[in-house]
Amino acid sequence: MTNWTSSPARPSETGTVAWNLFDIDSKFGDVELHSNVTEYLNHLPKFDETTTP
């Protein structure tokens, strides 16, 4: 299970944030770590370098 409680939220909000992320992950899609998303996006070609078919 992913540790969602390491968010920068105040301690009183940590449980709510964790629950919301769990809910999103189980219903709608994947919840990924910020570092994973940033790394993925940084490896995509820049918009100026793309072409339209």
PDB file of N, CA and C in Angstrom:
ATOM      1  N   MET A   1       0.830  -1.172   0.000  1.00  0.00           N
ATOM      2  CA  MET A   1       0.000   0.000   0.000  1.00  0.00           C
ATOM      3  C   MET A   1       0.881   1.244   0.000  1.00  0.00           C
ATOM      4  N   THR A   2       0.493   2.226  -0.781  1.00  0.00           N
ATOM      5  CA  THR A   2       1.248   3.454  -0.879  1.00  0.00           C
ATOM      6  C   THR A   2       1.076   4.291   0.375  1.00  0.00           C
ATOM      7  N   ASN A   3       2.149   4.948   0.810  1.00  0.00           N
ATOM      8  CA  ASN A   3       2.080   5.830   1.964  1.00  0.00           C
ATOM      9  C   ASN A   3       1.646   7.211   1.496  1.00  0.00           C
ATOM     10  N   TRP A   4       0.359   7.495   1.603  1.00  0.00           N
ATOM     11  CA  TRP A   4      -0.182   8.768   1.153  1.00  0.00           C
ATOM     12  C   TRP A   4      -0.143   9.819   2.242  1.00  0.00           C
ATOM     13  N   THR A   5       0.299   9.459   3.421  1.00  0.00           N
ATOM     14  CA  THR A   5       0.261  10.400   4.532  1.00  0.00           C
ATOM     15  C   THR A   5       1.479  11.313   4.559  1.00  0.00           C
ATOM     16  N   SER A   6       2.359  11.239   3.582  1.00  0.00           N
ATOM     17  CA  SER A   6       3.544  12.087   3.573  1.00  0.00           C
ATOM     18  C   SER A   6       3.298  13.383   2.810  1.00  0.00           C
ATOM     19  N   SER A   7       2.037  13.802   2.704  1.00  0.00           N
ATOM     20  CA  SER A   7       1.718  15.039   2.004  1.00  0.00           C
ATOM     21  C   SER A   7       2.121  16.236   2.855  1.00  0.00           C
ATOM     22  N   PRO A   8       2.262  17.406   2.225  1.00  0.00           N
ATOM     23  CA  PRO A   8       2.646  18.590   2.994  1.00  0.00           C
ATOM     24  C   PRO A   8       1.487  19.203   3.772  1.00  0.00           C
ATOM     25  N   ALA A   9       0.353  18.516   3.852  1.00  0.00           N
ATOM     26  CA  ALA A   9      -0.811  19.042   4.571  1.00  0.00           C
ATOM     27  C   ALA A   9      -0.539  19.121   6.069  1.00  0.00           C
ATOM     28  N   ARG A  10      -1.316  19.957   6.728  1.00  0.00           N
ATOM     29  CA  ARG A  10      -1.220  20.038   8.186  1.00  0.00           C
ATOM     30  C   ARG A  10      -1.615  18.686   8.788  1.00  0.00           C
ATOM     31  N   PRO A  11      -1.087  18.357   9.951  1.00  0.00           N
ATOM     32  CA  PRO A  11      -1.406  17.056  10.556  1.00  0.00           C
ATOM     33  C   PRO A  11      -2.897  16.788  10.693  1.00  0.00           C
ATOM     34  N   SER A  12      -3.700  17.826  10.950  1.00  0.00           N
ATOM     35  CA  SER A  12      -5.139  17.611  11.105  1.00  0.00           C
ATOM     36  C   SER A  12      -5.808  17.225   9.790  1.00  0.00           C
ATOM     37  N   GLU A  13      -5.171  17.549   8.671  1.00  0.00           N
ATOM     38  CA  GLU A  13      -5.730  17.235   7.361  1.00  0.00           C
ATOM     39  C   GLU A  13      -5.167  15.956   6.769  1.00  0.00           C
ATOM     40  N   THR A  14      -4.141  15.404   7.360  1.00  0.00           N
ATOM     41  CA  THR A  14      -3.449  14.255   6.791  1.00  0.00           C
ATOM     42  C   THR A  14      -4.377  13.075   6.565  1.00  0.00           C
ATOM     43  N   GLY A  15      -5.219  12.761   7.527  1.00  0.00           N
ATOM     44  CA  GLY A  15      -6.145  11.634   7.377  1.00  0.00           C
ATOM     45  C   GLY A  15      -7.127  11.864   6.252  1.00  0.00           C
ATOM     46  N   THR A  16      -7.626  13.087   6.127  1.00  0.00           N
ATOM     47  CA  THR A  16      -8.564  13.418   5.057  1.00  0.00           C
ATOM     48  C   THR A  16      -7.894  13.321   3.702  1.00  0.00           C
ATOM     49  N   VAL A  17      -6.686  13.840   3.594  1.00  0.00           N
ATOM     50  CA  VAL A  17      -5.942  13.765   2.335  1.00  0.00           C
ATOM     51  C   VAL A  17      -5.694  12.315   1.960  1.00  0.00           C
ATOM     52  N   ALA A  18      -5.267  11.512   2.921  1.00  0.00           N
ATOM     53  CA  ALA A  18      -5.009  10.096   2.654  1.00  0.00           C
ATOM     54  C   ALA A  18      -6.278   9.391   2.189  1.00  0.00           C
ATOM     55  N   TRP A  19      -7.388   9.675   2.852  1.00  0.00           N
ATOM     56  CA  TRP A  19      -8.642   9.030   2.466  1.00  0.00           C
ATOM     57  C   TRP A  19      -9.057   9.455   1.062  1.00  0.00           C
ATOM     58  N   ASN A  20      -8.966  10.739   0.744  1.00  0.00           N
ATOM     59  CA  ASN A  20      -9.334  11.217  -0.589  1.00  0.00           C
ATOM     60  C   ASN A  20      -8.466  10.586  -1.669  1.00  0.00           C
ATOM     61  N   LEU A  21      -7.162  10.479  -1.432  1.00  0.00           N
ATOM     62  CA  LEU A  21      -6.283   9.853  -2.412  1.00  0.00           C
ATOM     63  C   LEU A  21      -6.597   8.370  -2.567  1.00  0.00           C
ATOM     64  N   PHE A  22      -6.901   7.696  -1.464  1.00  0.00           N
ATOM     65  CA  PHE A  22      -7.297   6.288  -1.527  1.00  0.00           C
ATOM     66  C   PHE A  22      -8.567   6.147  -2.352  1.00  0.00           C
ATOM     67  N   ASP A  23      -9.534   7.030  -2.132  1.00  0.00           N
ATOM     68  CA  ASP A  23     -10.807   6.993  -2.849  1.00  0.00           C
ATOM     69  C   ASP A  23     -10.603   7.222  -4.343  1.00  0.00           C
ATOM     70  N   ILE A  24      -9.793   8.205  -4.699  1.00  0.00           N
ATOM     71  CA  ILE A  24      -9.498   8.465  -6.115  1.00  0.00           C
ATOM     72  C   ILE A  24      -8.818   7.260  -6.739  1.00  0.00           C
ATOM     73  N   ASP A  25      -7.842   6.708  -6.029  1.00  0.00           N
ATOM     74  CA  ASP A  25      -7.092   5.565  -6.549  1.00  0.00           C
ATOM     75  C   ASP A  25      -7.997   4.367  -6.782  1.00  0.00           C
ATOM     76  N   SER A  26      -8.941   4.128  -5.887  1.00  0.00           N
ATOM     77  CA  SER A  26      -9.791   2.950  -6.021  1.00  0.00           C
ATOM     78  C   SER A  26     -10.925   3.132  -7.015  1.00  0.00           C
ATOM     79  N   LYS A  27     -11.383   4.360  -7.247  1.00  0.00           N
ATOM     80  CA  LYS A  27     -12.531   4.592  -8.122  1.00  0.00           C
ATOM     81  C   LYS A  27     -12.168   5.055  -9.526  1.00  0.00           C
ATOM     82  N   PHE A  28     -11.275   6.011  -9.620  1.00  0.00           N
ATOM     83  CA  PHE A  28     -11.091   6.714 -10.880  1.00  0.00           C
ATOM     84  C   PHE A  28      -9.787   6.401 -11.607  1.00  0.00           C
ATOM     85  N   GLY A  29      -8.725   6.234 -10.897  1.00  0.00           N
ATOM     86  CA  GLY A  29      -7.452   6.059 -11.584  1.00  0.00           C
ATOM     87  C   GLY A  29      -6.329   5.869 -10.595  1.00  0.00           C
ATOM     88  N   ASP A  30      -5.142   5.940 -11.091  1.00  0.00           N
ATOM     89  CA  ASP A  30      -3.960   5.700 -10.278  1.00  0.00           C
ATOM     90  C   ASP A  30      -3.501   6.981  -9.595  1.00  0.00           C
ATOM     91  N   VAL A  31      -3.113   6.844  -8.358  1.00  0.00           N
ATOM     92  CA  VAL A  31      -2.476   7.923  -7.624  1.00  0.00           C
ATOM     93  C   VAL A  31      -0.992   7.617  -7.633  1.00  0.00           C
ATOM     94  N   GLU A  32      -0.215   8.534  -8.168  1.00  0.00           N
ATOM     95  CA  GLU A  32       1.228   8.332  -8.281  1.00  0.00           C
ATOM     96  C   GLU A  32       1.964   9.353  -7.424  1.00  0.00           C
ATOM     97  N   LEU A  33       3.170   9.003  -7.053  1.00  0.00           N
ATOM     98  CA  LEU A  33       4.017   9.934  -6.319  1.00  0.00           C
ATOM     99  C   LEU A  33       4.384  11.107  -7.216  1.00  0.00           C
ATOM    100  N   HIS A  34       4.510  12.276  -6.624  1.00  0.00           N
ATOM    101  CA  HIS A  34       4.870  13.485  -7.370  1.00  0.00           C
ATOM    102  C   HIS A  34       6.167  13.279  -8.142  1.00  0.00           C
ATOM    103  N   SER A  35       7.153  12.643  -7.527  1.00  0.00           N
ATOM    104  CA  SER A  35       8.451  12.430  -8.183  1.00  0.00           C
ATOM    105  C   SER A  35       8.310  11.539  -9.413  1.00  0.00           C
ATOM    106  N   ASN A  36       7.438  10.530  -9.359  1.00  0.00           N
ATOM    107  CA  ASN A  36       7.225   9.662 -10.525  1.00  0.00           C
ATOM    108  C   ASN A  36       6.581  10.421 -11.678  1.00  0.00           C
ATOM    109  N   VAL A  37       5.596  11.252 -11.365  1.00  0.00           N
ATOM    110  CA  VAL A  37       4.906  12.020 -12.402  1.00  0.00           C
ATOM    111  C   VAL A  37       5.856  13.037 -13.017  1.00  0.00           C
ATOM    112  N   THR A  38       6.621  13.729 -12.186  1.00  0.00           N
ATOM    113  CA  THR A  38       7.570  14.718 -12.680  1.00  0.00           C
ATOM    114  C   THR A  38       8.607  14.074 -13.590  1.00  0.00           C
ATOM    115  N   GLU A  39       9.129  12.924 -13.184  1.00  0.00           N
ATOM    116  CA  GLU A  39      10.121  12.219 -14.002  1.00  0.00           C
ATOM    117  C   GLU A  39       9.520  11.823 -15.347  1.00  0.00           C
ATOM    118  N   TYR A  40       8.301  11.297 -15.338  1.00  0.00           N
ATOM    119  CA  TYR A  40       7.628  10.907 -16.580  1.00  0.00           C
ATOM    120  C   TYR A  40       7.440  12.111 -17.499  1.00  0.00           C
ATOM    121  N   LEU A  41       6.938  13.203 -16.945  1.00  0.00           N
ATOM    122  CA  LEU A  41       6.683  14.390 -17.764  1.00  0.00           C
ATOM    123  C   LEU A  41       7.974  14.987 -18.311  1.00  0.00           C
ATOM    124  N   ASN A  42       9.035  14.930 -17.551  1.00  0.00           N
ATOM    125  CA  ASN A  42      10.316  15.473 -18.020  1.00  0.00           C
ATOM    126  C   ASN A  42      10.913  14.660 -19.160  1.00  0.00           C
ATOM    127  N   HIS A  43      10.487  13.404 -19.315  1.00  0.00           N
ATOM    128  CA  HIS A  43      11.004  12.568 -20.392  1.00  0.00           C
ATOM    129  C   HIS A  43      10.168  12.645 -21.666  1.00  0.00           C
ATOM    130  N   LEU A  44       9.040  13.339 -21.627  1.00  0.00           N
ATOM    131  CA  LEU A  44       8.235  13.523 -22.830  1.00  0.00           C
ATOM    132  C   LEU A  44       8.865  14.590 -23.711  1.00  0.00           C
ATOM    133  N   PRO A  45       8.681  14.487 -25.033  1.00  0.00           N
ATOM    134  CA  PRO A  45       9.238  15.533 -25.902  1.00  0.00           C
ATOM    135  C   PRO A  45       8.519  16.866 -25.650  1.00  0.00           C
ATOM    136  N   LYS A  46       9.255  17.934 -25.815  1.00  0.00           N
ATOM    137  CA  LYS A  46       8.664  19.251 -25.664  1.00  0.00           C
ATOM    138  C   LYS A  46       7.646  19.471 -26.793  1.00  0.00           C
ATOM    139  N   PHE A  47       6.621  20.251 -26.533  1.00  0.00           N
ATOM    140  CA  PHE A  47       5.561  20.465 -27.495  1.00  0.00           C
ATOM    141  C   PHE A  47       6.116  20.981 -28.834  1.00  0.00           C
ATOM    142  N   ASP A  48       7.089  21.874 -28.767  1.00  0.00           N
ATOM    143  CA  ASP A  48       7.686  22.429 -29.982  1.00  0.00           C
ATOM    144  C   ASP A  48       8.391  21.364 -30.823  1.00  0.00           C
ATOM    145  N   GLU A  49       8.772  20.259 -30.206  1.00  0.00           N
ATOM    146  CA  GLU A  49       9.495  19.194 -30.900  1.00  0.00           C
ATOM    147  C   GLU A  49       8.571  18.127 -31.468  1.00  0.00           C
ATOM    148  N   THR A  50       7.276  18.288 -31.295  1.00  0.00           N
ATOM    149  CA  THR A  50       6.333  17.285 -31.785  1.00  0.00           C
ATOM    150  C   THR A  50       5.766  17.715 -33.128  1.00  0.00           C
ATOM    151  N   THR A  51       5.265  16.751 -33.875  1.00  0.00           N
ATOM    152  CA  THR A  51       4.638  17.039 -35.172  1.00  0.00           C
ATOM    153  C   THR A  51       3.248  16.436 -35.186  1.00  0.00           C
ATOM    154  N   THR A  52       2.394  17.014 -35.990  1.00  0.00           N
ATOM    155  CA  THR A  52       1.049  16.514 -36.146  1.00  0.00           C
ATOM    156  C   THR A  52       1.004  15.633 -37.388  1.00  0.00           C
ATOM    157  N   PRO A  53       0.441  14.439 -37.249  1.00  0.00           N
ATOM    158  CA  PRO A  53       0.412  13.539 -38.422  1.00  0.00           C
ATOM    159  C   PRO A  53      -0.449  14.070 -39.548  1.00  0.00           C
TER     160      PRO A  53
END
